Amino acid sequence: LSRPLFIYVARDQADRPELQAFIEFYLDNAAELSQEVGYIPLPDE
């Protein structure tokens, strides 16, 4: 009963500068912020 959680990003929107910045920010900070709100970070790799 352990599972991964996901986001799905629209390819046709991914080149927008603000969306690209948001996704990279999300992946850079998901480890700390997911733990802060009660979830388990993925391994760094």
ModelCIF file with pLDDT and N, C-alpha, C, O atoms, coordinates in Angstrom:
data_MODEL
#
_entry.id   MODEL 
#
_entity.id                         1 
_entity.type                       polymer 
_entity.pdbx_number_of_molecules   1 
#
_entity_poly.entity_id                      1 
_entity_poly.type                           'polypeptide(L)' 
_entity_poly.nstd_linkage                   no 
_entity_poly.nstd_monomer                   no 
_entity_poly.pdbx_seq_one_letter_code       LSRPLFIYVARDQADRPELQAFIEFYLDNAAELSQEVGYIPLPDE 
_entity_poly.pdbx_seq_one_letter_code_can   LSRPLFIYVARDQADRPELQAFIEFYLDNAAELSQEVGYIPLPDE 
_entity_poly.pdbx_strand_id                 A 
#
loop_
_entity_poly_seq.entity_id 
_entity_poly_seq.num 
_entity_poly_seq.mon_id 
_entity_poly_seq.hetero 
1 1  LEU n 
1 2  SER n 
1 3  ARG n 
1 4  PRO n 
1 5  LEU n 
1 6  PHE n 
1 7  ILE n 
1 8  TYR n 
1 9  VAL n 
1 10 ALA n 
1 11 ARG n 
1 12 ASP n 
1 13 GLN n 
1 14 ALA n 
1 15 ASP n 
1 16 ARG n 
1 17 PRO n 
1 18 GLU n 
1 19 LEU n 
1 20 GLN n 
1 21 ALA n 
1 22 PHE n 
1 23 ILE n 
1 24 GLU n 
1 25 PHE n 
1 26 TYR n 
1 27 LEU n 
1 28 ASP n 
1 29 ASN n 
1 30 ALA n 
1 31 ALA n 
1 32 GLU n 
1 33 LEU n 
1 34 SER n 
1 35 GLN n 
1 36 GLU n 
1 37 VAL n 
1 38 GLY n 
1 39 TYR n 
1 40 ILE n 
1 41 PRO n 
1 42 LEU n 
1 43 PRO n 
1 44 ASP n 
1 45 GLU n 
#
_struct_asym.id          A 
_struct_asym.entity_id   1 
#
loop_
_ma_qa_metric.id 
_ma_qa_metric.mode 
_ma_qa_metric.name 
_ma_qa_metric.software_group_id 
_ma_qa_metric.type 
1 global pLDDT . pLDDT 
2 local  pLDDT . pLDDT 
#
_ma_qa_metric_global.metric_id      1 
_ma_qa_metric_global.metric_value   93.18 
_ma_qa_metric_global.model_id       1 
_ma_qa_metric_global.ordinal_id     1 
#
loop_
_ma_qa_metric_local.label_asym_id 
_ma_qa_metric_local.label_comp_id 
_ma_qa_metric_local.label_seq_id 
_ma_qa_metric_local.metric_id 
_ma_qa_metric_local.metric_value 
_ma_qa_metric_local.model_id 
_ma_qa_metric_local.ordinal_id 
A LEU 1  2 92.00 1 1  
A SER 2  2 86.00 1 2  
A ARG 3  2 80.00 1 3  
A PRO 4  2 85.00 1 4  
A LEU 5  2 92.00 1 5  
A PHE 6  2 96.00 1 6  
A ILE 7  2 98.00 1 7  
A TYR 8  2 98.00 1 8  
A VAL 9  2 98.00 1 9  
A ALA 10 2 98.00 1 10 
A ARG 11 2 98.00 1 11 
A ASP 12 2 97.00 1 12 
A GLN 13 2 97.00 1 13 
A ALA 14 2 97.00 1 14 
A ASP 15 2 96.00 1 15 
A ARG 16 2 96.00 1 16 
A PRO 17 2 95.00 1 17 
A GLU 18 2 96.00 1 18 
A LEU 19 2 98.00 1 19 
A GLN 20 2 97.00 1 20 
A ALA 21 2 96.00 1 21 
A PHE 22 2 97.00 1 22 
A ILE 23 2 98.00 1 23 
A GLU 24 2 97.00 1 24 
A PHE 25 2 97.00 1 25 
A TYR 26 2 98.00 1 26 
A LEU 27 2 97.00 1 27 
A ASP 28 2 97.00 1 28 
A ASN 29 2 97.00 1 29 
A ALA 30 2 96.00 1 30 
A ALA 31 2 94.00 1 31 
A GLU 32 2 95.00 1 32 
A LEU 33 2 95.00 1 33 
A SER 34 2 92.00 1 34 
A GLN 35 2 86.00 1 35 
A GLU 36 2 88.00 1 36 
A VAL 37 2 85.00 1 37 
A GLY 38 2 78.00 1 38 
A TYR 39 2 86.00 1 39 
A ILE 40 2 87.00 1 40 
A PRO 41 2 90.00 1 41 
A LEU 42 2 90.00 1 42 
A PRO 43 2 86.00 1 43 
A ASP 44 2 91.00 1 44 
A GLU 45 2 90.00 1 45 
#
loop_
_atom_site.group_PDB 
_atom_site.id 
_atom_site.type_symbol 
_atom_site.label_atom_id 
_atom_site.label_alt_id 
_atom_site.label_comp_id 
_atom_site.label_asym_id 
_atom_site.label_entity_id 
_atom_site.label_seq_id 
_atom_site.pdbx_PDB_ins_code 
_atom_site.Cartn_x 
_atom_site.Cartn_y 
_atom_site.Cartn_z 
_atom_site.occupancy 
_atom_site.B_iso_or_equiv 
_atom_site.pdbx_formal_charge 
_atom_site.auth_seq_id 
_atom_site.auth_comp_id 
_atom_site.auth_asym_id 
_atom_site.auth_atom_id 
_atom_site.pdbx_PDB_model_num 
ATOM 1   N N  . LEU A 1 1  ? 0.804  -1.219 0.000   1.00 92.00 ? 1  LEU A N  1 
ATOM 2   C CA . LEU A 1 1  ? 0.000  0.000  0.000   1.00 92.00 ? 1  LEU A CA 1 
ATOM 3   C C  . LEU A 1 1  ? 0.838  1.271  0.000   1.00 92.00 ? 1  LEU A C  1 
ATOM 4   O O  . LEU A 1 1  ? 0.437  2.272  0.594   1.00 92.00 ? 1  LEU A O  1 
ATOM 5   N N  . SER A 1 2  ? 1.977  1.246  -0.647  1.00 86.00 ? 2  SER A N  1 
ATOM 6   C CA . SER A 1 2  ? 2.748  2.467  -0.908  1.00 86.00 ? 2  SER A CA 1 
ATOM 7   C C  . SER A 1 2  ? 2.612  2.784  -2.394  1.00 86.00 ? 2  SER A C  1 
ATOM 8   O O  . SER A 1 2  ? 2.601  1.877  -3.226  1.00 86.00 ? 2  SER A O  1 
ATOM 9   N N  . ARG A 1 3  ? 2.508  4.052  -2.723  1.00 80.00 ? 3  ARG A N  1 
ATOM 10  C CA . ARG A 1 3  ? 2.283  4.427  -4.121  1.00 80.00 ? 3  ARG A CA 1 
ATOM 11  C C  . ARG A 1 3  ? 2.981  5.738  -4.459  1.00 80.00 ? 3  ARG A C  1 
ATOM 12  O O  . ARG A 1 3  ? 3.168  6.588  -3.588  1.00 80.00 ? 3  ARG A O  1 
ATOM 13  N N  . PRO A 1 4  ? 3.366  5.904  -5.715  1.00 85.00 ? 4  PRO A N  1 
ATOM 14  C CA . PRO A 1 4  ? 3.876  7.208  -6.150  1.00 85.00 ? 4  PRO A CA 1 
ATOM 15  C C  . PRO A 1 4  ? 2.725  8.143  -6.492  1.00 85.00 ? 4  PRO A C  1 
ATOM 16  O O  . PRO A 1 4  ? 1.632  7.700  -6.845  1.00 85.00 ? 4  PRO A O  1 
ATOM 17  N N  . LEU A 1 5  ? 2.985  9.439  -6.384  1.00 92.00 ? 5  LEU A N  1 
ATOM 18  C CA . LEU A 1 5  ? 2.043  10.482 -6.764  1.00 92.00 ? 5  LEU A CA 1 
ATOM 19  C C  . LEU A 1 5  ? 2.617  11.229 -7.965  1.00 92.00 ? 5  LEU A C  1 
ATOM 20  O O  . LEU A 1 5  ? 3.835  11.325 -8.113  1.00 92.00 ? 5  LEU A O  1 
ATOM 21  N N  . PHE A 1 6  ? 1.746  11.754 -8.819  1.00 96.00 ? 6  PHE A N  1 
ATOM 22  C CA . PHE A 1 6  ? 2.198  12.297 -10.103 1.00 96.00 ? 6  PHE A CA 1 
ATOM 23  C C  . PHE A 1 6  ? 1.621  13.675 -10.402 1.00 96.00 ? 6  PHE A C  1 
ATOM 24  O O  . PHE A 1 6  ? 0.607  14.091 -9.842  1.00 96.00 ? 6  PHE A O  1 
ATOM 25  N N  . ILE A 1 7  ? 2.314  14.369 -11.312 1.00 98.00 ? 7  ILE A N  1 
ATOM 26  C CA . ILE A 1 7  ? 1.710  15.451 -12.076 1.00 98.00 ? 7  ILE A CA 1 
ATOM 27  C C  . ILE A 1 7  ? 1.880  15.102 -13.550 1.00 98.00 ? 7  ILE A C  1 
ATOM 28  O O  . ILE A 1 7  ? 2.891  14.526 -13.953 1.00 98.00 ? 7  ILE A O  1 
ATOM 29  N N  . TYR A 1 8  ? 0.877  15.458 -14.346 1.00 98.00 ? 8  TYR A N  1 
ATOM 30  C CA . TYR A 1 8  ? 0.932  15.286 -15.796 1.00 98.00 ? 8  TYR A CA 1 
ATOM 31  C C  . TYR A 1 8  ? 0.933  16.668 -16.430 1.00 98.00 ? 8  TYR A C  1 
ATOM 32  O O  . TYR A 1 8  ? 0.054  17.484 -16.153 1.00 98.00 ? 8  TYR A O  1 
ATOM 33  N N  . VAL A 1 9  ? 1.915  16.930 -17.276 1.00 98.00 ? 9  VAL A N  1 
ATOM 34  C CA . VAL A 1 9  ? 2.105  18.255 -17.854 1.00 98.00 ? 9  VAL A CA 1 
ATOM 35  C C  . VAL A 1 9  ? 1.741  18.217 -19.335 1.00 98.00 ? 9  VAL A C  1 
ATOM 36  O O  . VAL A 1 9  ? 2.164  17.315 -20.058 1.00 98.00 ? 9  VAL A O  1 
ATOM 37  N N  . ALA A 1 10 ? 0.960  19.192 -19.784 1.00 98.00 ? 10 ALA A N  1 
ATOM 38  C CA . ALA A 1 10 ? 0.567  19.263 -21.184 1.00 98.00 ? 10 ALA A CA 1 
ATOM 39  C C  . ALA A 1 10 ? 1.779  19.593 -22.052 1.00 98.00 ? 10 ALA A C  1 
ATOM 40  O O  . ALA A 1 10 ? 2.429  20.619 -21.853 1.00 98.00 ? 10 ALA A O  1 
ATOM 41  N N  . ARG A 1 11 ? 2.078  18.724 -23.009 1.00 98.00 ? 11 ARG A N  1 
ATOM 42  C CA . ARG A 1 11 ? 3.233  18.956 -23.888 1.00 98.00 ? 11 ARG A CA 1 
ATOM 43  C C  . ARG A 1 11 ? 3.074  20.237 -24.692 1.00 98.00 ? 11 ARG A C  1 
ATOM 44  O O  . ARG A 1 11 ? 4.054  20.944 -24.925 1.00 98.00 ? 11 ARG A O  1 
ATOM 45  N N  . ASP A 1 12 ? 1.852  20.545 -25.119 1.00 97.00 ? 12 ASP A N  1 
ATOM 46  C CA . ASP A 1 12 ? 1.642  21.730 -25.954 1.00 97.00 ? 12 ASP A CA 1 
ATOM 47  C C  . ASP A 1 12 ? 1.796  23.032 -25.178 1.00 97.00 ? 12 ASP A C  1 
ATOM 48  O O  . ASP A 1 12 ? 1.842  24.111 -25.768 1.00 97.00 ? 12 ASP A O  1 
ATOM 49  N N  . GLN A 1 13 ? 1.875  22.929 -23.841 1.00 97.00 ? 13 GLN A N  1 
ATOM 50  C CA . GLN A 1 13 ? 2.071  24.123 -23.013 1.00 97.00 ? 13 GLN A CA 1 
ATOM 51  C C  . GLN A 1 13 ? 3.454  24.176 -22.365 1.00 97.00 ? 13 GLN A C  1 
ATOM 52  O O  . GLN A 1 13 ? 3.824  25.185 -21.764 1.00 97.00 ? 13 GLN A O  1 
ATOM 53  N N  . ALA A 1 14 ? 4.209  23.098 -22.488 1.00 97.00 ? 14 ALA A N  1 
ATOM 54  C CA . ALA A 1 14 ? 5.452  22.956 -21.712 1.00 97.00 ? 14 ALA A CA 1 
ATOM 55  C C  . ALA A 1 14 ? 6.539  23.942 -22.102 1.00 97.00 ? 14 ALA A C  1 
ATOM 56  O O  . ALA A 1 14 ? 7.453  24.186 -21.314 1.00 97.00 ? 14 ALA A O  1 
ATOM 57  N N  . ASP A 1 15 ? 6.464  24.517 -23.303 1.00 96.00 ? 15 ASP A N  1 
ATOM 58  C CA . ASP A 1 15 ? 7.496  25.461 -23.727 1.00 96.00 ? 15 ASP A CA 1 
ATOM 59  C C  . ASP A 1 15 ? 7.208  26.892 -23.295 1.00 96.00 ? 15 ASP A C  1 
ATOM 60  O O  . ASP A 1 15 ? 8.039  27.780 -23.487 1.00 96.00 ? 15 ASP A O  1 
ATOM 61  N N  . ARG A 1 16 ? 6.030  27.119 -22.711 1.00 96.00 ? 16 ARG A N  1 
ATOM 62  C CA . ARG A 1 16 ? 5.761  28.449 -22.171 1.00 96.00 ? 16 ARG A CA 1 
ATOM 63  C C  . ARG A 1 16 ? 6.747  28.740 -21.048 1.00 96.00 ? 16 ARG A C  1 
ATOM 64  O O  . ARG A 1 16 ? 6.905  27.910 -20.153 1.00 96.00 ? 16 ARG A O  1 
ATOM 65  N N  . PRO A 1 17 ? 7.416  29.891 -21.064 1.00 95.00 ? 17 PRO A N  1 
ATOM 66  C CA . PRO A 1 17 ? 8.466  30.157 -20.066 1.00 95.00 ? 17 PRO A CA 1 
ATOM 67  C C  . PRO A 1 17 ? 7.985  30.016 -18.627 1.00 95.00 ? 17 PRO A C  1 
ATOM 68  O O  . PRO A 1 17 ? 8.703  29.472 -17.787 1.00 95.00 ? 17 PRO A O  1 
ATOM 69  N N  . GLU A 1 18 ? 6.763  30.505 -18.328 1.00 96.00 ? 18 GLU A N  1 
ATOM 70  C CA . GLU A 1 18 ? 6.288  30.442 -16.945 1.00 96.00 ? 18 GLU A CA 1 
ATOM 71  C C  . GLU A 1 18 ? 5.992  28.999 -16.521 1.00 96.00 ? 18 GLU A C  1 
ATOM 72  O O  . GLU A 1 18 ? 6.227  28.629 -15.371 1.00 96.00 ? 18 GLU A O  1 
ATOM 73  N N  . LEU A 1 19 ? 5.474  28.183 -17.455 1.00 98.00 ? 19 LEU A N  1 
ATOM 74  C CA . LEU A 1 19 ? 5.179  26.790 -17.112 1.00 98.00 ? 19 LEU A CA 1 
ATOM 75  C C  . LEU A 1 19 ? 6.468  25.988 -16.977 1.00 98.00 ? 19 LEU A C  1 
ATOM 76  O O  . LEU A 1 19 ? 6.600  25.157 -16.078 1.00 98.00 ? 19 LEU A O  1 
ATOM 77  N N  . GLN A 1 20 ? 7.408  26.239 -17.867 1.00 97.00 ? 20 GLN A N  1 
ATOM 78  C CA . GLN A 1 20 ? 8.700  25.555 -17.767 1.00 97.00 ? 20 GLN A CA 1 
ATOM 79  C C  . GLN A 1 20 ? 9.379  25.872 -16.441 1.00 97.00 ? 20 GLN A C  1 
ATOM 80  O O  . GLN A 1 20 ? 9.919  24.983 -15.782 1.00 97.00 ? 20 GLN A O  1 
ATOM 81  N N  . ALA A 1 21 ? 9.351  27.151 -16.052 1.00 96.00 ? 21 ALA A N  1 
ATOM 82  C CA . ALA A 1 21 ? 9.962  27.549 -14.783 1.00 96.00 ? 21 ALA A CA 1 
ATOM 83  C C  . ALA A 1 21 ? 9.251  26.892 -13.605 1.00 96.00 ? 21 ALA A C  1 
ATOM 84  O O  . ALA A 1 21 ? 9.890  26.485 -12.635 1.00 96.00 ? 21 ALA A O  1 
ATOM 85  N N  . PHE A 1 22 ? 7.916  26.791 -13.694 1.00 97.00 ? 22 PHE A N  1 
ATOM 86  C CA . PHE A 1 22 ? 7.150  26.197 -12.603 1.00 97.00 ? 22 PHE A CA 1 
ATOM 87  C C  . PHE A 1 22 ? 7.473  24.713 -12.435 1.00 97.00 ? 22 PHE A C  1 
ATOM 88  O O  . PHE A 1 22 ? 7.661  24.252 -11.310 1.00 97.00 ? 22 PHE A O  1 
ATOM 89  N N  . ILE A 1 23 ? 7.540  23.963 -13.527 1.00 98.00 ? 23 ILE A N  1 
ATOM 90  C CA . ILE A 1 23 ? 7.814  22.529 -13.434 1.00 98.00 ? 23 ILE A CA 1 
ATOM 91  C C  . ILE A 1 23 ? 9.226  22.283 -12.894 1.00 98.00 ? 23 ILE A C  1 
ATOM 92  O O  . ILE A 1 23 ? 9.420  21.405 -12.054 1.00 98.00 ? 23 ILE A O  1 
ATOM 93  N N  . GLU A 1 24 ? 10.193 23.035 -13.360 1.00 97.00 ? 24 GLU A N  1 
ATOM 94  C CA . GLU A 1 24 ? 11.552 22.854 -12.854 1.00 97.00 ? 24 GLU A CA 1 
ATOM 95  C C  . GLU A 1 24 ? 11.630 23.231 -11.374 1.00 97.00 ? 24 GLU A C  1 
ATOM 96  O O  . GLU A 1 24 ? 12.338 22.583 -10.604 1.00 97.00 ? 24 GLU A O  1 
ATOM 97  N N  . PHE A 1 25 ? 10.906 24.276 -10.980 1.00 97.00 ? 25 PHE A N  1 
ATOM 98  C CA . PHE A 1 25 ? 10.833 24.657 -9.574  1.00 97.00 ? 25 PHE A CA 1 
ATOM 99  C C  . PHE A 1 25 ? 10.173 23.553 -8.764  1.00 97.00 ? 25 PHE A C  1 
ATOM 100 O O  . PHE A 1 25 ? 10.622 23.229 -7.664  1.00 97.00 ? 25 PHE A O  1 
ATOM 101 N N  . TYR A 1 26 ? 9.110  22.977 -9.305  1.00 98.00 ? 26 TYR A N  1 
ATOM 102 C CA . TYR A 1 26 ? 8.377  21.898 -8.636  1.00 98.00 ? 26 TYR A CA 1 
ATOM 103 C C  . TYR A 1 26 ? 9.324  20.731 -8.346  1.00 98.00 ? 26 TYR A C  1 
ATOM 104 O O  . TYR A 1 26 ? 9.390  20.256 -7.213  1.00 98.00 ? 26 TYR A O  1 
ATOM 105 N N  . LEU A 1 27 ? 10.053 20.271 -9.356  1.00 97.00 ? 27 LEU A N  1 
ATOM 106 C CA . LEU A 1 27 ? 10.919 19.109 -9.184  1.00 97.00 ? 27 LEU A CA 1 
ATOM 107 C C  . LEU A 1 27 ? 12.132 19.424 -8.300  1.00 97.00 ? 27 LEU A C  1 
ATOM 108 O O  . LEU A 1 27 ? 12.638 18.542 -7.607  1.00 97.00 ? 27 LEU A O  1 
ATOM 109 N N  . ASP A 1 28 ? 12.597 20.669 -8.323  1.00 97.00 ? 28 ASP A N  1 
ATOM 110 C CA . ASP A 1 28 ? 13.723 21.059 -7.464  1.00 97.00 ? 28 ASP A CA 1 
ATOM 111 C C  . ASP A 1 28 ? 13.321 21.115 -5.992  1.00 97.00 ? 28 ASP A C  1 
ATOM 112 O O  . ASP A 1 28 ? 14.153 20.901 -5.110  1.00 97.00 ? 28 ASP A O  1 
ATOM 113 N N  . ASN A 1 29 ? 12.035 21.405 -5.725  1.00 97.00 ? 29 ASN A N  1 
ATOM 114 C CA . ASN A 1 29 ? 11.605 21.654 -4.356  1.00 97.00 ? 29 ASN A CA 1 
ATOM 115 C C  . ASN A 1 29 ? 10.594 20.646 -3.809  1.00 97.00 ? 29 ASN A C  1 
ATOM 116 O O  . ASN A 1 29 ? 10.174 20.744 -2.656  1.00 97.00 ? 29 ASN A O  1 
ATOM 117 N N  . ALA A 1 30 ? 10.210 19.681 -4.637  1.00 96.00 ? 30 ALA A N  1 
ATOM 118 C CA . ALA A 1 30 ? 9.185  18.717 -4.218  1.00 96.00 ? 30 ALA A CA 1 
ATOM 119 C C  . ALA A 1 30 ? 9.618  17.899 -3.013  1.00 96.00 ? 30 ALA A C  1 
ATOM 120 O O  . ALA A 1 30 ? 8.783  17.565 -2.173  1.00 96.00 ? 30 ALA A O  1 
ATOM 121 N N  . ALA A 1 31 ? 10.896 17.569 -2.902  1.00 94.00 ? 31 ALA A N  1 
ATOM 122 C CA . ALA A 1 31 ? 11.356 16.750 -1.781  1.00 94.00 ? 31 ALA A CA 1 
ATOM 123 C C  . ALA A 1 31 ? 11.068 17.442 -0.454  1.00 94.00 ? 31 ALA A C  1 
ATOM 124 O O  . ALA A 1 31 ? 10.505 16.834 0.456   1.00 94.00 ? 31 ALA A O  1 
ATOM 125 N N  . GLU A 1 32 ? 11.450 18.702 -0.345  1.00 95.00 ? 32 GLU A N  1 
ATOM 126 C CA . GLU A 1 32 ? 11.253 19.419 0.914   1.00 95.00 ? 32 GLU A CA 1 
ATOM 127 C C  . GLU A 1 32 ? 9.785  19.748 1.164   1.00 95.00 ? 32 GLU A C  1 
ATOM 128 O O  . GLU A 1 32 ? 9.279  19.573 2.272   1.00 95.00 ? 32 GLU A O  1 
ATOM 129 N N  . LEU A 1 33 ? 9.103  20.228 0.114   1.00 95.00 ? 33 LEU A N  1 
ATOM 130 C CA . LEU A 1 33 ? 7.729  20.669 0.313   1.00 95.00 ? 33 LEU A CA 1 
ATOM 131 C C  . LEU A 1 33 ? 6.768  19.508 0.497   1.00 95.00 ? 33 LEU A C  1 
ATOM 132 O O  . LEU A 1 33 ? 5.801  19.638 1.248   1.00 95.00 ? 33 LEU A O  1 
ATOM 133 N N  . SER A 1 34 ? 6.997  18.377 -0.161  1.00 92.00 ? 34 SER A N  1 
ATOM 134 C CA . SER A 1 34 ? 6.119  17.228 0.046   1.00 92.00 ? 34 SER A CA 1 
ATOM 135 C C  . SER A 1 34 ? 6.216  16.718 1.473   1.00 92.00 ? 34 SER A C  1 
ATOM 136 O O  . SER A 1 34 ? 5.210  16.338 2.072   1.00 92.00 ? 34 SER A O  1 
ATOM 137 N N  . GLN A 1 35 ? 7.431  16.708 2.021   1.00 86.00 ? 35 GLN A N  1 
ATOM 138 C CA . GLN A 1 35 ? 7.592  16.271 3.404   1.00 86.00 ? 35 GLN A CA 1 
ATOM 139 C C  . GLN A 1 35 ? 6.965  17.273 4.359   1.00 86.00 ? 35 GLN A C  1 
ATOM 140 O O  . GLN A 1 35 ? 6.420  16.896 5.396   1.00 86.00 ? 35 GLN A O  1 
ATOM 141 N N  . GLU A 1 36 ? 7.040  18.543 4.008   1.00 88.00 ? 36 GLU A N  1 
ATOM 142 C CA . GLU A 1 36 ? 6.480  19.589 4.864   1.00 88.00 ? 36 GLU A CA 1 
ATOM 143 C C  . GLU A 1 36 ? 4.976  19.459 5.007   1.00 88.00 ? 36 GLU A C  1 
ATOM 144 O O  . GLU A 1 36 ? 4.425  19.822 6.046   1.00 88.00 ? 36 GLU A O  1 
ATOM 145 N N  . VAL A 1 37 ? 4.296  18.947 3.979   1.00 85.00 ? 37 VAL A N  1 
ATOM 146 C CA . VAL A 1 37 ? 2.843  18.799 4.052   1.00 85.00 ? 37 VAL A CA 1 
ATOM 147 C C  . VAL A 1 37 ? 2.423  17.354 4.319   1.00 85.00 ? 37 VAL A C  1 
ATOM 148 O O  . VAL A 1 37 ? 1.253  17.006 4.156   1.00 85.00 ? 37 VAL A O  1 
ATOM 149 N N  . GLY A 1 38 ? 3.378  16.510 4.730   1.00 78.00 ? 38 GLY A N  1 
ATOM 150 C CA . GLY A 1 38 ? 3.030  15.195 5.252   1.00 78.00 ? 38 GLY A CA 1 
ATOM 151 C C  . GLY A 1 38 ? 3.229  14.017 4.331   1.00 78.00 ? 38 GLY A C  1 
ATOM 152 O O  . GLY A 1 38 ? 2.774  12.914 4.638   1.00 78.00 ? 38 GLY A O  1 
ATOM 153 N N  . TYR A 1 39 ? 3.905  14.220 3.194   1.00 86.00 ? 39 TYR A N  1 
ATOM 154 C CA . TYR A 1 39 ? 4.143  13.120 2.278   1.00 86.00 ? 39 TYR A CA 1 
ATOM 155 C C  . TYR A 1 39 ? 5.610  12.693 2.315   1.00 86.00 ? 39 TYR A C  1 
ATOM 156 O O  . TYR A 1 39 ? 6.406  13.256 3.066   1.00 86.00 ? 39 TYR A O  1 
ATOM 157 N N  . ILE A 1 40 ? 5.961  11.700 1.504   1.00 87.00 ? 40 ILE A N  1 
ATOM 158 C CA . ILE A 1 40 ? 7.293  11.120 1.555   1.00 87.00 ? 40 ILE A CA 1 
ATOM 159 C C  . ILE A 1 40 ? 8.054  11.493 0.288   1.00 87.00 ? 40 ILE A C  1 
ATOM 160 O O  . ILE A 1 40 ? 7.585  11.192 -0.809  1.00 87.00 ? 40 ILE A O  1 
ATOM 161 N N  . PRO A 1 41 ? 9.201  12.132 0.403   1.00 90.00 ? 41 PRO A N  1 
ATOM 162 C CA . PRO A 1 41 ? 9.964  12.509 -0.791  1.00 90.00 ? 41 PRO A CA 1 
ATOM 163 C C  . PRO A 1 41 ? 10.463 11.284 -1.553  1.00 90.00 ? 41 PRO A C  1 
ATOM 164 O O  . PRO A 1 41 ? 10.706 10.230 -0.965  1.00 90.00 ? 41 PRO A O  1 
ATOM 165 N N  . LEU A 1 42 ? 10.613 11.435 -2.864  1.00 90.00 ? 42 LEU A N  1 
ATOM 166 C CA . LEU A 1 42 ? 11.269 10.418 -3.666  1.00 90.00 ? 42 LEU A CA 1 
ATOM 167 C C  . LEU A 1 42 ? 12.774 10.474 -3.415  1.00 90.00 ? 42 LEU A C  1 
ATOM 168 O O  . LEU A 1 42 ? 13.260 11.476 -2.890  1.00 90.00 ? 42 LEU A O  1 
ATOM 169 N N  . PRO A 1 43 ? 13.523 9.440  -3.770  1.00 86.00 ? 43 PRO A N  1 
ATOM 170 C CA . PRO A 1 43 ? 14.984 9.527  -3.729  1.00 86.00 ? 43 PRO A CA 1 
ATOM 171 C C  . PRO A 1 43 ? 15.467 10.636 -4.661  1.00 86.00 ? 43 PRO A C  1 
ATOM 172 O O  . PRO A 1 43 ? 14.812 10.937 -5.659  1.00 86.00 ? 43 PRO A O  1 
ATOM 173 N N  . ASP A 1 44 ? 16.597 11.238 -4.343  1.00 91.00 ? 44 ASP A N  1 
ATOM 174 C CA . ASP A 1 44 ? 17.126 12.346 -5.149  1.00 91.00 ? 44 ASP A CA 1 
ATOM 175 C C  . ASP A 1 44 ? 17.274 11.954 -6.615  1.00 91.00 ? 44 ASP A C  1 
ATOM 176 O O  . ASP A 1 44 ? 16.979 12.748 -7.508  1.00 91.00 ? 44 ASP A O  1 
ATOM 177 N N  . GLU A 1 45 ? 17.732 10.724 -6.861  1.00 90.00 ? 45 GLU A N  1 
ATOM 178 C CA . GLU A 1 45 ? 17.936 10.284 -8.238  1.00 90.00 ? 45 GLU A CA 1 
ATOM 179 C C  . GLU A 1 45 ? 16.640 10.312 -9.030  1.00 90.00 ? 45 GLU A C  1 
ATOM 180 O O  . GLU A 1 45 ? 16.632 9.970  -10.213 1.00 90.00 ? 45 GLU A O  1 
#
